[in-house]
Amino acid sequence: MTGPAKRPSADPRAAQRATLRRVVLQLVLGVIAVHATAMAIYYFGDIEQLSPRTRMIFVGLWTFVTAITVAVLLRRVRLARNASRMR
């Protein structure tokens, strides 16, 4: 048994919204992944016990990686938004 057939959506922009929703979720999950990884390294790597200079370098790197992640994933959000406007 295959289940009920899918009806076409009444809203022609439903697919575009679904795409936008997906890329925004990827953005949020990407930032969460970067922060979870950095916090795990910070605490399990005992970086909190190292010198203040080392901690500042780590936090700077963490900030840089977060900024790059947001820039890349936010570009995807913009592309998805602009694709819906071009139609």
Protein backbone atom coordinates (compact mmCIF):
# COMPACT_ATOMS: atom_id res chain seq x y z
CA MET A 1 0.00 0.00 0.00
CA THR A 2 1.48 3.31 -1.05
CA GLY A 3 -0.72 5.73 0.87
CA PRO A 4 -2.81 8.62 -0.33
CA ALA A 5 -1.75 10.50 -3.41
CA LYS A 6 -0.27 13.93 -2.78
CA ARG A 7 -2.42 16.77 -4.00
CA PRO A 8 -0.76 19.78 -5.54
CA SER A 9 -0.59 22.59 -3.06
CA ALA A 10 -3.06 25.43 -3.42
CA ASP A 11 -0.24 27.89 -2.76
CA PRO A 12 2.19 28.18 -5.71
CA ARG A 13 4.91 29.53 -3.39
CA ALA A 14 4.80 26.57 -1.00
CA ALA A 15 7.86 24.91 -2.56
CA GLN A 16 9.83 28.16 -2.39
CA ARG A 17 8.92 28.61 1.28
CA ALA A 18 9.92 25.03 2.00
CA THR A 19 13.31 25.64 0.39
CA LEU A 20 13.78 28.85 2.35
CA ARG A 21 12.77 27.10 5.56
CA ARG A 22 15.29 24.33 4.86
CA VAL A 23 18.24 26.69 4.24
CA VAL A 24 17.41 28.77 7.33
CA LEU A 25 17.35 25.57 9.39
CA GLN A 26 20.75 24.67 7.92
CA LEU A 27 22.03 28.10 8.98
CA VAL A 28 20.83 27.63 12.55
CA LEU A 29 22.12 24.06 12.78
CA GLY A 30 25.46 25.11 11.29
CA VAL A 31 25.97 27.76 13.97
CA ILE A 32 24.89 25.31 16.68
CA ALA A 33 27.37 22.74 15.34
CA VAL A 34 30.24 25.25 15.33
CA HIS A 35 29.49 26.36 18.88
CA ALA A 36 29.00 22.83 20.20
CA THR A 37 32.31 21.77 18.67
CA ALA A 38 34.15 24.82 20.02
CA MET A 39 32.71 24.40 23.51
CA ALA A 40 33.61 20.70 23.54
CA ILE A 41 37.19 21.53 22.50
CA TYR A 42 37.35 24.33 25.08
CA TYR A 43 36.22 22.21 28.02
CA PHE A 44 37.51 18.75 27.09
CA GLY A 45 40.78 20.17 25.79
CA ASP A 46 41.31 22.05 29.07
CA ILE A 47 41.80 25.30 27.22
CA GLU A 48 40.25 27.09 30.19
CA GLN A 49 43.38 26.12 32.16
CA LEU A 50 45.82 27.59 29.63
CA SER A 51 47.23 31.10 29.51
CA PRO A 52 44.96 34.07 28.81
CA ARG A 53 46.73 34.62 25.49
CA THR A 54 45.98 31.08 24.34
CA ARG A 55 42.35 31.43 25.41
CA MET A 56 42.01 34.69 23.49
CA ILE A 57 43.50 33.09 20.37
CA PHE A 58 41.04 30.22 20.72
CA VAL A 59 38.08 32.58 21.14
CA GLY A 60 39.27 34.64 18.16
CA LEU A 61 39.49 31.51 16.03
CA TRP A 62 36.06 30.43 17.26
CA THR A 63 34.63 33.80 16.28
CA PHE A 64 36.30 33.66 12.87
CA VAL A 65 34.97 30.16 12.13
CA THR A 66 31.49 31.25 13.24
CA ALA A 67 31.63 34.30 10.97
CA ILE A 68 32.74 32.22 7.97
CA THR A 69 30.01 29.64 8.65
CA VAL A 70 27.35 32.34 8.90
CA ALA A 71 28.60 34.08 5.75
CA VAL A 72 28.49 30.89 3.69
CA LEU A 73 25.13 29.69 4.98
CA LEU A 74 23.55 33.15 4.88
CA ARG A 75 24.54 33.37 1.22
CA ARG A 76 22.46 30.23 0.65
CA VAL A 77 19.52 31.90 2.37
CA ARG A 78 19.88 34.98 0.16
CA LEU A 79 20.12 32.82 -2.97
CA ALA A 80 16.96 30.95 -1.97
CA ARG A 81 15.14 34.22 -1.30
CA ASN A 82 16.27 35.79 -4.55
CA ALA A 83 15.35 32.65 -6.53
CA SER A 84 11.79 33.02 -5.30
CA ARG A 85 11.72 36.68 -6.35
CA MET A 86 13.04 35.97 -9.83
CA ARG A 87 10.05 33.78 -10.70
